[in-house]
Protein backbone atom coordinates (compact mmCIF):
# COMPACT_ATOMS: atom_id res chain seq x y z
CA MET A 1 244.96 287.97 83.95
CA GLU A 2 245.25 291.10 81.85
CA PHE A 3 242.57 293.10 80.13
CA LYS A 4 242.81 296.11 77.84
CA GLY A 5 240.03 298.04 76.19
CA THR A 6 238.09 301.21 75.63
CA VAL A 7 236.05 302.54 78.54
CA HIS A 8 232.28 302.93 78.51
CA ARG A 9 231.48 305.09 81.54
CA TYR A 10 228.25 305.18 83.55
CA GLY A 11 226.97 306.81 86.72
CA ARG A 12 225.81 305.48 90.05
CA ASP A 13 223.04 302.98 90.80
CA VAL A 14 223.05 301.25 87.41
CA ASP A 15 220.54 298.55 88.27
CA THR A 16 220.03 295.13 86.79
CA ASP A 17 216.72 296.24 85.23
CA VAL A 18 218.71 298.74 83.16
CA ILE A 19 221.56 296.33 82.41
CA ILE A 20 219.08 293.84 80.94
CA PRO A 21 215.43 294.93 80.93
CA ALA A 22 212.90 292.48 82.37
CA ARG A 23 211.19 292.08 79.00
CA TYR A 24 214.19 289.99 77.86
CA LEU A 25 214.32 287.64 80.83
CA ASN A 26 212.41 284.98 78.94
CA THR A 27 215.72 283.87 77.41
CA SER A 28 218.99 282.69 78.87
CA ASP A 29 220.81 282.81 75.53
CA PRO A 30 223.89 284.99 76.09
CA ALA A 31 223.93 286.30 72.50
CA GLU A 32 220.29 287.39 72.72
CA LEU A 33 220.87 289.04 76.11
CA ALA A 34 223.92 290.85 74.70
CA ARG A 35 221.82 292.41 71.94
CA HIS A 36 219.77 294.22 74.58
CA CYS A 37 222.42 295.02 77.18
CA LEU A 38 222.06 298.55 78.57
CA GLU A 39 219.63 299.53 75.79
CA ASP A 40 217.35 301.52 78.12
CA LEU A 41 220.31 303.48 79.54
CA ASP A 42 222.52 303.78 76.46
CA ALA A 43 220.82 302.82 73.20
CA GLY A 44 224.12 302.92 71.29
CA PHE A 45 226.12 300.74 73.69
CA VAL A 46 225.80 297.47 71.77
CA GLY A 47 226.84 299.19 68.55
CA ARG A 48 229.96 300.73 70.14
CA VAL A 49 231.21 297.97 72.41
CA ARG A 50 234.07 295.82 71.13
CA PRO A 51 235.56 292.63 72.56
CA GLY A 52 237.84 293.53 75.43
CA ASP A 53 236.13 296.80 76.29
CA ILE A 54 235.69 297.91 79.89
CA ILE A 55 232.76 299.38 81.80
CA VAL A 56 233.58 301.97 84.47
CA ALA A 57 230.81 303.07 86.83
CA GLU A 58 230.17 304.96 90.04
CA GLU A 59 228.72 303.45 93.25
CA ASN A 60 226.30 300.56 93.59
CA PHE A 61 226.66 299.02 90.13
CA GLY A 62 224.26 296.11 89.64
CA CYS A 63 221.75 297.08 92.31
CA GLY A 64 218.15 295.99 92.03
CA SER A 65 216.83 292.56 91.15
CA SER A 66 218.93 289.50 91.78
CA ARG A 67 219.33 288.17 88.26
CA GLU A 68 222.22 286.33 86.64
CA HIS A 69 221.07 287.66 83.29
CA ALA A 70 222.76 291.03 83.98
CA PRO A 71 226.41 289.87 84.20
CA ILE A 72 225.77 287.30 81.47
CA ALA A 73 224.53 290.08 79.16
CA ILE A 74 227.55 292.28 79.91
CA LYS A 75 230.03 289.46 79.39
CA ALA A 76 228.33 288.36 76.18
CA THR A 77 228.77 291.85 74.67
CA GLY A 78 232.54 291.30 74.87
CA VAL A 79 233.18 293.45 77.94
CA ASP A 80 236.05 291.86 79.86
CA VAL A 81 235.91 293.73 83.14
CA VAL A 82 233.73 296.17 85.07
CA ILE A 83 235.44 298.67 87.36
CA ALA A 84 233.23 300.51 89.84
CA LYS A 85 233.41 302.36 93.13
CA SER A 86 231.19 299.64 94.58
CA PHE A 87 228.93 296.79 93.49
CA ALA A 88 225.65 295.50 94.83
CA ARG A 89 226.62 292.35 96.72
CA ILE A 90 224.35 289.98 94.77
CA PHE A 91 225.62 291.37 91.46
CA TYR A 92 229.20 290.91 92.68
CA ARG A 93 228.56 287.23 93.41
CA ASN A 94 226.60 286.67 90.18
CA ALA A 95 229.38 288.33 88.16
CA ILE A 96 232.04 286.04 89.63
CA ASN A 97 229.79 282.98 89.27
CA THR A 98 229.27 283.73 85.56
CA GLY A 99 232.94 284.55 84.91
CA LEU A 100 232.70 288.35 84.55
CA ALA A 101 235.72 290.09 86.07
CA ILE A 102 234.87 292.99 88.37
CA MET A 103 237.08 295.30 90.40
CA GLU A 104 236.41 298.01 92.96
CA CYS A 105 238.66 301.07 92.72
CA PRO A 106 237.09 304.45 93.57
CA GLU A 107 240.25 306.41 92.65
CA ALA A 108 240.35 304.90 89.17
CA VAL A 109 236.65 305.58 88.63
CA ASP A 110 237.14 309.24 89.61
CA ALA A 111 239.97 309.66 87.08
CA ILE A 112 239.03 307.52 84.07
CA ALA A 113 236.94 309.16 81.34
CA ASP A 114 234.59 307.69 78.76
CA GLY A 115 236.61 306.60 75.73
CA ASP A 116 239.93 306.23 77.57
CA VAL A 117 241.97 303.10 76.89
CA VAL A 118 242.62 301.19 80.10
CA ARG A 119 244.82 298.19 80.93
CA VAL A 120 244.00 296.02 83.94
CA ASP A 121 246.39 293.52 85.51
CA ALA A 122 244.00 291.67 87.80
CA ASP A 123 246.76 289.51 89.30
CA ALA A 124 248.74 292.56 90.44
CA GLY A 125 245.66 294.70 91.10
CA THR A 126 246.84 297.50 88.82
CA ILE A 127 244.64 299.64 86.61
CA THR A 128 246.44 301.88 84.14
CA ASP A 129 244.72 304.57 82.12
CA GLU A 130 246.89 304.45 79.00
CA THR A 131 245.23 307.60 77.69
CA THR A 132 246.42 309.72 80.63
CA GLY A 133 249.25 307.58 82.02
CA GLN A 134 247.68 307.44 85.48
CA ALA A 135 247.95 304.20 87.46
CA PHE A 136 245.79 302.94 90.31
CA THR A 137 245.87 300.05 92.73
CA ALA A 138 242.92 297.78 93.40
CA GLN A 139 242.60 294.54 95.31
CA PRO A 140 244.01 291.73 93.14
CA PHE A 141 241.83 288.69 92.56
CA PRO A 142 242.34 285.93 95.11
CA PRO A 143 243.46 282.70 93.41
CA PHE A 144 240.05 280.99 93.72
CA ILE A 145 238.25 283.93 92.06
CA ARG A 146 240.87 284.08 89.32
CA GLU A 147 240.29 280.35 88.68
CA ILE A 148 236.53 280.89 88.37
CA ILE A 149 236.91 283.82 85.97
CA GLU A 150 239.54 282.06 83.85
CA ALA A 151 237.29 279.00 83.59
CA GLY A 152 234.37 281.14 82.38
CA GLY A 153 232.34 280.85 85.57
CA LEU A 154 231.72 278.68 88.60
CA VAL A 155 229.95 275.85 86.77
CA PRO A 156 232.64 275.43 84.08
CA ARG A 157 235.32 275.54 86.80
CA TRP A 158 233.69 272.72 88.74
CA LYS A 159 233.01 270.68 85.63
CA ALA A 160 236.69 270.88 84.74
CA ARG A 161 237.79 270.00 88.26
CA LEU A 162 235.43 267.04 88.42
CA ALA A 163 236.67 265.78 85.07
CA ASP A 164 240.27 265.64 86.35
């Protein structure tokens, strides 16, 4: 699995209430959630993000409330992967379950700047900042996680497996 896109960089402790504010939790429509993703933290995010873009963040990304809406909103904006120093454990699981690729790599986070173009090879665990030429190594996805992400989430993966 390879991803390439422009980086949108954020700090530490980006919580799920900021990723998708509670006032929008009355819908589960991904397109509607995408329209409001990160609006309280970065009002221009939705206008700048393009399919394939990448979020890079400091420690504890996705902390706060346990809501699937947060990774669904991010994925629905077109973001392919989130790279952070660390993730809140419930967000990590919700991201995988909804098919949003996430990787932990503190060294990459320290070096990558907002607006850089980054290529991620999730199978090899490599993150390359094409703007600076720097390369970093992260833990590659285990096969079962890769299957879930490629299928678009846990439910679509199991539906496909049960249909076989």
